[in-house]
């Protein structure tokens, strides 16, 4: 099956656990990879105003993906989605941070673009609301159905 890897916001601002970084690193080089990095620009996304918090304005990905796309807000940019579509893959494997927010937003963007989003359930971490990511996995299964474990790849 033709597939690509979409790595969501594995960057210093979000202090990802080392096991997550190590697990994602094992997939690098085995399939096309794309990473998103959330950067703060209050004029684009009002994180500070609405949430009293914001990511760094200059973070970089901790994963050496084939392509890195900067985003402002929860969802991947149109350029990220267009690039993934250009790869002509059957499914996009999603992993990374904020299972129930940023990963889920990526799932909706991929789904709306006609792709098959598939969450790698053991390579994702939830928000501070649910660090286990279980809430996000349940939401993912409800909306998109497709999940895998990294050992299945």
N, C-alpha and C. Protein backbone atom coordinates (compact mmCIF):
# COMPACT_ATOMS: atom_id res chain seq x y z
N UNK A 1 0.84 -1.18 0.00
CA UNK A 1 0.00 0.00 0.00
C UNK A 1 0.89 1.25 0.00
N UNK A 2 0.57 2.18 -0.87
CA UNK A 2 1.31 3.46 -0.91
C UNK A 2 0.83 4.33 0.24
N UNK A 3 1.79 4.76 1.06
CA UNK A 3 1.42 5.56 2.21
C UNK A 3 2.51 6.57 2.54
N UNK A 4 2.12 7.58 3.30
CA UNK A 4 3.05 8.61 3.77
C UNK A 4 2.83 8.79 5.26
N UNK A 5 3.81 9.38 5.90
CA UNK A 5 3.77 9.63 7.33
C UNK A 5 3.62 11.14 7.57
N UNK A 6 2.64 11.51 8.38
CA UNK A 6 2.43 12.90 8.78
C UNK A 6 2.69 13.01 10.28
N UNK A 7 3.72 13.76 10.64
CA UNK A 7 4.17 13.90 12.02
C UNK A 7 3.68 15.26 12.53
N UNK A 8 2.86 15.24 13.54
CA UNK A 8 2.22 16.46 14.01
C UNK A 8 2.94 17.06 15.22
N UNK A 9 3.56 18.21 15.02
CA UNK A 9 4.03 19.10 16.08
C UNK A 9 4.97 18.46 17.11
N UNK A 10 5.86 17.60 16.67
CA UNK A 10 6.87 17.04 17.57
C UNK A 10 8.01 18.05 17.61
N UNK A 11 7.92 18.94 18.58
CA UNK A 11 8.79 20.12 18.65
C UNK A 11 9.04 20.48 20.11
N UNK A 12 10.11 21.24 20.37
CA UNK A 12 10.49 21.55 21.75
C UNK A 12 9.40 22.20 22.61
N UNK A 13 8.60 23.10 22.06
CA UNK A 13 7.57 23.79 22.85
C UNK A 13 6.63 22.83 23.56
N UNK A 14 6.41 21.66 22.98
CA UNK A 14 5.44 20.73 23.53
C UNK A 14 6.09 19.61 24.34
N UNK A 15 7.41 19.67 24.52
CA UNK A 15 8.15 18.71 25.35
C UNK A 15 7.71 17.26 25.12
N UNK A 16 7.86 16.76 23.90
CA UNK A 16 7.44 15.39 23.63
C UNK A 16 8.29 14.38 24.41
N UNK A 17 7.70 13.29 24.84
CA UNK A 17 8.49 12.28 25.54
C UNK A 17 9.49 11.62 24.58
N UNK A 18 10.61 11.20 25.12
CA UNK A 18 11.66 10.61 24.30
C UNK A 18 11.17 9.35 23.59
N UNK A 19 10.30 8.56 24.23
CA UNK A 19 9.82 7.33 23.59
C UNK A 19 9.05 7.65 22.30
N UNK A 20 8.36 8.80 22.29
CA UNK A 20 7.62 9.19 21.09
C UNK A 20 8.59 9.56 19.97
N UNK A 21 9.58 10.37 20.29
CA UNK A 21 10.59 10.76 19.30
C UNK A 21 11.29 9.52 18.75
N UNK A 22 11.72 8.63 19.64
CA UNK A 22 12.43 7.41 19.21
C UNK A 22 11.54 6.53 18.34
N UNK A 23 10.28 6.39 18.72
CA UNK A 23 9.36 5.55 17.95
C UNK A 23 9.12 6.08 16.56
N UNK A 24 8.93 7.39 16.45
CA UNK A 24 8.72 8.00 15.13
C UNK A 24 9.98 7.91 14.29
N UNK A 25 11.14 8.11 14.93
CA UNK A 25 12.42 8.04 14.21
C UNK A 25 12.60 6.70 13.50
N UNK A 26 12.07 5.62 14.07
CA UNK A 26 12.24 4.31 13.43
C UNK A 26 11.52 4.22 12.09
N UNK A 27 10.54 5.10 11.87
CA UNK A 27 9.79 5.08 10.61
C UNK A 27 10.41 5.98 9.53
N UNK A 28 11.27 6.90 9.96
CA UNK A 28 11.90 7.82 9.00
C UNK A 28 12.78 7.03 8.03
N UNK A 29 12.61 7.31 6.76
CA UNK A 29 13.36 6.62 5.72
C UNK A 29 12.66 5.39 5.16
N UNK A 30 11.57 4.97 5.81
CA UNK A 30 10.84 3.80 5.32
C UNK A 30 9.67 4.17 4.42
N UNK A 31 9.27 5.44 4.45
CA UNK A 31 8.18 5.94 3.63
C UNK A 31 8.30 7.47 3.59
N UNK A 32 7.66 8.11 2.63
CA UNK A 32 7.73 9.57 2.58
C UNK A 32 7.21 10.17 3.89
N UNK A 33 7.89 11.20 4.39
CA UNK A 33 7.50 11.77 5.68
C UNK A 33 7.36 13.28 5.59
N UNK A 34 6.36 13.77 6.30
CA UNK A 34 6.06 15.19 6.38
C UNK A 34 5.85 15.53 7.85
N UNK A 35 6.42 16.63 8.30
CA UNK A 35 6.22 17.08 9.67
C UNK A 35 5.59 18.47 9.66
N UNK A 36 4.74 18.71 10.64
CA UNK A 36 4.25 20.07 10.86
C UNK A 36 4.90 20.61 12.12
N UNK A 37 5.08 21.92 12.13
CA UNK A 37 5.60 22.63 13.30
C UNK A 37 4.67 23.81 13.56
N UNK A 38 4.16 23.87 14.77
CA UNK A 38 3.30 24.98 15.17
C UNK A 38 4.18 26.12 15.64
N UNK A 39 4.04 27.27 15.01
CA UNK A 39 4.77 28.46 15.44
C UNK A 39 3.78 29.55 15.81
N UNK A 40 4.15 30.34 16.78
CA UNK A 40 3.25 31.37 17.27
C UNK A 40 3.38 32.66 16.47
N UNK A 41 2.25 33.15 16.05
CA UNK A 41 2.11 34.48 15.48
C UNK A 41 0.72 34.95 15.88
N UNK A 42 0.66 35.77 16.91
CA UNK A 42 -0.62 36.19 17.49
C UNK A 42 -1.52 36.87 16.47
N UNK A 43 -0.93 37.49 15.43
CA UNK A 43 -1.74 38.16 14.41
C UNK A 43 -2.46 37.15 13.51
N UNK A 44 -2.02 35.91 13.53
CA UNK A 44 -2.66 34.86 12.72
C UNK A 44 -3.59 34.01 13.58
N UNK A 45 -3.07 33.52 14.72
CA UNK A 45 -3.86 32.68 15.62
C UNK A 45 -3.71 33.22 17.04
N UNK A 46 -4.83 33.61 17.67
CA UNK A 46 -4.77 34.31 18.96
C UNK A 46 -4.62 33.39 20.17
N UNK A 47 -3.57 32.58 20.18
CA UNK A 47 -3.36 31.66 21.30
C UNK A 47 -3.25 32.40 22.63
N UNK A 48 -2.41 33.42 22.69
CA UNK A 48 -2.20 34.15 23.94
C UNK A 48 -3.49 34.84 24.40
N UNK A 49 -4.15 35.50 23.49
CA UNK A 49 -5.38 36.23 23.82
C UNK A 49 -6.48 35.29 24.32
N UNK A 50 -6.65 34.15 23.65
CA UNK A 50 -7.77 33.27 23.99
C UNK A 50 -7.41 32.21 25.02
N UNK A 51 -6.16 31.74 25.01
CA UNK A 51 -5.79 30.62 25.88
C UNK A 51 -4.77 30.98 26.95
N UNK A 52 -4.16 32.18 26.82
CA UNK A 52 -3.15 32.57 27.79
C UNK A 52 -1.86 31.78 27.67
N UNK A 53 -1.63 31.22 26.51
CA UNK A 53 -0.48 30.37 26.25
C UNK A 53 -0.17 30.43 24.76
N UNK A 54 1.05 30.13 24.39
CA UNK A 54 1.37 30.03 22.97
C UNK A 54 2.65 29.23 22.76
N UNK A 55 2.77 28.57 21.61
CA UNK A 55 4.02 27.88 21.29
C UNK A 55 5.09 28.92 20.95
N UNK A 56 6.32 28.47 20.83
CA UNK A 56 7.43 29.37 20.49
C UNK A 56 7.27 29.90 19.07
N UNK A 57 7.82 31.07 18.79
CA UNK A 57 7.75 31.61 17.44
C UNK A 57 8.81 31.04 16.51
N UNK A 58 9.71 30.21 17.05
CA UNK A 58 10.85 29.74 16.25
C UNK A 58 11.18 28.26 16.42
N UNK A 59 10.24 27.45 16.88
CA UNK A 59 10.49 26.01 17.03
C UNK A 59 10.78 25.34 15.70
N UNK A 60 11.52 24.25 15.77
CA UNK A 60 11.77 23.39 14.62
C UNK A 60 11.35 21.97 14.98
N UNK A 61 11.15 21.13 13.99
CA UNK A 61 10.77 19.75 14.21
C UNK A 61 11.93 18.99 14.85
N UNK A 62 11.61 18.12 15.79
CA UNK A 62 12.60 17.24 16.40
C UNK A 62 12.79 15.96 15.58
N UNK A 63 12.00 15.81 14.52
CA UNK A 63 12.07 14.65 13.64
C UNK A 63 12.55 15.11 12.28
N UNK A 64 13.58 14.48 11.73
CA UNK A 64 14.10 14.89 10.42
C UNK A 64 13.27 14.33 9.26
N UNK A 65 12.10 14.91 9.08
CA UNK A 65 11.19 14.47 8.01
C UNK A 65 11.70 14.93 6.65
N UNK A 66 11.18 14.30 5.59
CA UNK A 66 11.53 14.71 4.22
C UNK A 66 11.14 16.16 3.96
N UNK A 67 9.97 16.56 4.46
CA UNK A 67 9.49 17.93 4.30
C UNK A 67 8.93 18.41 5.63
N UNK A 68 9.12 19.68 5.93
CA UNK A 68 8.57 20.29 7.13
C UNK A 68 7.74 21.49 6.71
N UNK A 69 6.54 21.57 7.26
CA UNK A 69 5.64 22.68 6.97
C UNK A 69 5.31 23.40 8.27
N UNK A 70 5.41 24.71 8.23
CA UNK A 70 5.06 25.55 9.37
C UNK A 70 3.57 25.82 9.33
N UNK A 71 2.94 25.80 10.51
CA UNK A 71 1.53 26.11 10.59
C UNK A 71 1.29 27.07 11.75
N UNK A 72 0.16 27.74 11.71
CA UNK A 72 -0.28 28.64 12.77
C UNK A 72 -1.70 28.23 13.09
N UNK A 73 -1.89 27.54 14.18
CA UNK A 73 -3.21 27.02 14.52
C UNK A 73 -3.18 25.51 14.56
N UNK A 74 -4.34 24.93 14.70
CA UNK A 74 -4.43 23.49 14.93
C UNK A 74 -4.26 22.65 13.66
N UNK A 75 -4.81 23.08 12.55
CA UNK A 75 -4.85 22.26 11.34
C UNK A 75 -3.61 22.45 10.47
N UNK A 76 -3.27 21.42 9.69
CA UNK A 76 -2.18 21.59 8.71
C UNK A 76 -2.60 22.59 7.64
N UNK A 77 -1.62 23.21 7.03
CA UNK A 77 -1.90 24.20 5.98
C UNK A 77 -2.38 23.53 4.70
N UNK A 78 -2.96 24.33 3.84
CA UNK A 78 -3.36 23.83 2.52
C UNK A 78 -2.15 23.32 1.75
N UNK A 79 -1.00 23.96 1.91
CA UNK A 79 0.22 23.52 1.23
C UNK A 79 0.64 22.12 1.70
N UNK A 80 0.47 21.85 2.99
CA UNK A 80 0.79 20.53 3.53
C UNK A 80 -0.12 19.48 2.89
N UNK A 81 -1.40 19.76 2.86
CA UNK A 81 -2.37 18.81 2.28
C UNK A 81 -2.11 18.63 0.79
N UNK A 82 -1.85 19.71 0.08
CA UNK A 82 -1.56 19.61 -1.36
C UNK A 82 -0.31 18.77 -1.60
N UNK A 83 0.70 18.94 -0.78
CA UNK A 83 1.93 18.14 -0.94
C UNK A 83 1.63 16.66 -0.71
N UNK A 84 0.88 16.35 0.33
CA UNK A 84 0.54 14.94 0.59
C UNK A 84 -0.28 14.36 -0.56
N UNK A 85 -1.21 15.14 -1.10
CA UNK A 85 -1.99 14.67 -2.25
C UNK A 85 -1.09 14.41 -3.46
N UNK A 86 -0.06 15.24 -3.63
CA UNK A 86 0.84 15.08 -4.77
C UNK A 86 1.65 13.78 -4.70
N UNK A 87 1.75 13.20 -3.51
CA UNK A 87 2.47 11.94 -3.35
C UNK A 87 1.66 10.75 -3.87
N UNK A 88 0.38 10.98 -4.13
CA UNK A 88 -0.50 9.94 -4.66
C UNK A 88 -0.49 8.67 -3.80
N UNK A 89 -0.71 8.89 -2.50
CA UNK A 89 -0.70 7.77 -1.56
C UNK A 89 -2.13 7.29 -1.29
N UNK A 90 -2.23 6.05 -0.84
CA UNK A 90 -3.54 5.49 -0.51
C UNK A 90 -3.99 5.88 0.89
N UNK A 91 -3.00 6.03 1.79
CA UNK A 91 -3.35 6.46 3.14
C UNK A 91 -2.22 7.29 3.73
N UNK A 92 -2.60 8.12 4.69
CA UNK A 92 -1.63 8.95 5.40
C UNK A 92 -1.65 8.52 6.86
N UNK A 93 -0.51 8.06 7.33
CA UNK A 93 -0.33 7.65 8.71
C UNK A 93 -0.03 8.90 9.54
N UNK A 94 -0.80 9.11 10.60
CA UNK A 94 -0.66 10.30 11.42
C UNK A 94 -0.15 9.91 12.80
N UNK A 95 0.84 10.67 13.28
CA UNK A 95 1.38 10.45 14.61
C UNK A 95 1.80 11.81 15.17
N UNK A 96 2.14 11.84 16.45
CA UNK A 96 2.64 13.08 17.02
C UNK A 96 1.90 13.50 18.26
N UNK A 97 1.76 14.82 18.41
CA UNK A 97 1.26 15.39 19.65
C UNK A 97 -0.16 15.93 19.54
N UNK A 98 -0.81 15.92 20.69
CA UNK A 98 -2.16 16.46 20.83
C UNK A 98 -3.18 15.62 20.04
N UNK A 99 -3.30 14.36 20.43
CA UNK A 99 -4.16 13.42 19.71
C UNK A 99 -5.56 13.96 19.46
N UNK A 100 -6.14 14.57 20.49
CA UNK A 100 -7.54 15.00 20.37
C UNK A 100 -7.70 16.40 19.83
N UNK A 101 -6.60 17.09 19.51
CA UNK A 101 -6.72 18.43 18.93
C UNK A 101 -5.98 18.49 17.59
N UNK A 102 -4.69 18.67 17.60
CA UNK A 102 -3.95 18.86 16.34
C UNK A 102 -3.94 17.62 15.46
N UNK A 103 -3.79 16.44 16.05
CA UNK A 103 -3.85 15.22 15.23
C UNK A 103 -5.25 15.05 14.63
N UNK A 104 -6.26 15.29 15.45
CA UNK A 104 -7.63 15.18 14.97
C UNK A 104 -7.91 16.21 13.87
N UNK A 105 -7.41 17.43 14.05
CA UNK A 105 -7.58 18.46 13.01
C UNK A 105 -6.92 18.01 11.70
N UNK A 106 -5.76 17.37 11.80
CA UNK A 106 -5.09 16.84 10.60
C UNK A 106 -5.96 15.76 9.96
N UNK A 107 -6.55 14.91 10.79
CA UNK A 107 -7.43 13.87 10.26
C UNK A 107 -8.58 14.44 9.47
N UNK A 108 -9.22 15.49 10.00
CA UNK A 108 -10.33 16.12 9.28
C UNK A 108 -9.85 16.73 7.96
N UNK A 109 -8.69 17.39 7.97
CA UNK A 109 -8.17 17.99 6.74
C UNK A 109 -7.84 16.92 5.70
N UNK A 110 -7.25 15.83 6.12
CA UNK A 110 -6.93 14.73 5.20
C UNK A 110 -8.21 14.10 4.65
N UNK A 111 -9.16 13.84 5.53
CA UNK A 111 -10.43 13.25 5.12
C UNK A 111 -11.15 14.14 4.12
N UNK A 112 -11.23 15.43 4.44
CA UNK A 112 -11.91 16.37 3.55
C UNK A 112 -11.22 16.49 2.20
N UNK A 113 -9.92 16.17 2.15
CA UNK A 113 -9.17 16.23 0.89
C UNK A 113 -9.23 14.90 0.13
N UNK A 114 -10.01 13.95 0.65
CA UNK A 114 -10.20 12.69 -0.06
C UNK A 114 -9.16 11.63 0.24
N UNK A 115 -8.35 11.83 1.26
CA UNK A 115 -7.35 10.83 1.62
C UNK A 115 -7.84 9.99 2.79
N UNK A 116 -7.15 8.90 3.08
CA UNK A 116 -7.51 8.03 4.19
C UNK A 116 -6.58 8.29 5.38
N UNK A 117 -7.00 9.08 6.35
CA UNK A 117 -6.17 9.30 7.53
C UNK A 117 -6.20 8.07 8.43
N UNK A 118 -5.02 7.67 8.90
CA UNK A 118 -4.90 6.49 9.75
C UNK A 118 -3.98 6.85 10.91
N UNK A 119 -4.49 6.79 12.12
CA UNK A 119 -3.73 7.17 13.30
C UNK A 119 -2.86 6.01 13.78
N UNK A 120 -1.60 6.29 14.05
CA UNK A 120 -0.71 5.32 14.68
C UNK A 120 -0.90 5.50 16.18
N UNK A 121 -1.69 4.65 16.78
CA UNK A 121 -2.18 4.88 18.15
C UNK A 121 -1.09 4.85 19.21
N UNK A 122 -0.01 4.12 18.99
CA UNK A 122 1.04 4.06 20.00
C UNK A 122 2.15 5.08 19.75
N UNK A 123 1.97 5.94 18.74
CA UNK A 123 2.93 7.01 18.48
C UNK A 123 2.22 8.37 18.51
N UNK A 124 1.40 8.54 19.52
CA UNK A 124 0.71 9.81 19.72
C UNK A 124 0.54 10.04 21.22
N UNK A 125 0.52 11.30 21.58
CA UNK A 125 0.34 11.72 22.97
C UNK A 125 -0.76 12.77 22.99
N UNK A 126 -1.65 12.64 23.95
CA UNK A 126 -2.74 13.60 24.06
C UNK A 126 -2.32 14.91 24.70
N UNK A 127 -3.26 15.81 24.80
CA UNK A 127 -3.02 17.11 25.44
C UNK A 127 -2.96 16.92 26.95
N UNK A 128 -2.80 18.01 27.67
CA UNK A 128 -2.77 17.93 29.13
C UNK A 128 -4.10 17.43 29.69
N UNK A 129 -5.17 17.52 28.92
CA UNK A 129 -6.47 16.99 29.34
C UNK A 129 -6.43 15.47 29.45
N UNK A 130 -5.67 14.81 28.55
CA UNK A 130 -5.59 13.35 28.53
C UNK A 130 -4.27 12.94 27.88
N UNK A 131 -3.19 12.91 28.67
CA UNK A 131 -1.87 12.57 28.13
C UNK A 131 -1.82 11.19 27.50
N UNK A 132 -2.71 10.28 27.90
CA UNK A 132 -2.70 8.94 27.32
C UNK A 132 -3.09 8.96 25.85
N UNK A 133 -3.84 9.97 25.45
CA UNK A 133 -4.31 10.05 24.07
C UNK A 133 -5.55 9.21 23.81
N UNK A 134 -6.06 8.53 24.83
CA UNK A 134 -7.21 7.63 24.63
C UNK A 134 -8.44 8.36 24.11
N UNK A 135 -8.70 9.55 24.62
CA UNK A 135 -9.85 10.32 24.13
C UNK A 135 -9.69 10.59 22.64
N UNK A 136 -8.52 11.01 22.22
CA UNK A 136 -8.26 11.29 20.81
C UNK A 136 -8.39 10.05 19.95
N UNK A 137 -7.91 8.92 20.44
CA UNK A 137 -8.03 7.67 19.68
C UNK A 137 -9.51 7.31 19.51
N UNK A 138 -10.29 7.47 20.57
CA UNK A 138 -11.73 7.17 20.47
C UNK A 138 -12.41 8.09 19.47
N UNK A 139 -12.08 9.39 19.52
CA UNK A 139 -12.64 10.33 18.56
C UNK A 139 -12.21 9.98 17.14
N UNK A 140 -10.95 9.62 16.98
CA UNK A 140 -10.42 9.25 15.66
C UNK A 140 -11.20 8.06 15.09
N UNK A 141 -11.34 7.01 15.88
CA UNK A 141 -12.07 5.82 15.42
C UNK A 141 -13.51 6.16 15.05
N UNK A 142 -14.13 7.05 15.83
CA UNK A 142 -15.51 7.45 15.55
C UNK A 142 -15.61 8.19 14.21
N UNK A 143 -14.67 9.09 13.95
CA UNK A 143 -14.75 9.92 12.74
C UNK A 143 -14.11 9.29 11.51
N UNK A 144 -13.01 8.56 11.69
CA UNK A 144 -12.24 8.10 10.52
C UNK A 144 -12.05 6.59 10.43
N UNK A 145 -12.33 5.87 11.51
CA UNK A 145 -12.28 4.42 11.57
C UNK A 145 -10.87 3.85 11.63
N UNK A 146 -9.96 4.30 10.79
CA UNK A 146 -8.68 3.63 10.57
C UNK A 146 -7.61 3.99 11.59
N UNK A 147 -7.11 2.96 12.31
CA UNK A 147 -5.99 3.10 13.22
C UNK A 147 -5.07 1.89 13.05
N UNK A 148 -3.81 2.08 13.41
CA UNK A 148 -2.82 0.99 13.41
C UNK A 148 -1.89 1.20 14.60
N UNK A 149 -1.12 0.18 14.89
CA UNK A 149 -0.02 0.29 15.84
C UNK A 149 1.27 0.29 15.03
N UNK A 150 2.31 0.86 15.58
CA UNK A 150 3.58 0.93 14.84
C UNK A 150 4.12 -0.46 14.51
N UNK A 151 3.82 -1.44 15.35
CA UNK A 151 4.29 -2.82 15.09
C UNK A 151 3.61 -3.43 13.87
N UNK A 152 2.49 -2.84 13.41
CA UNK A 152 1.78 -3.34 12.24
C UNK A 152 2.37 -2.81 10.93
N UNK A 153 3.30 -1.86 11.03
CA UNK A 153 3.80 -1.21 9.81
C UNK A 153 5.00 -1.91 9.24
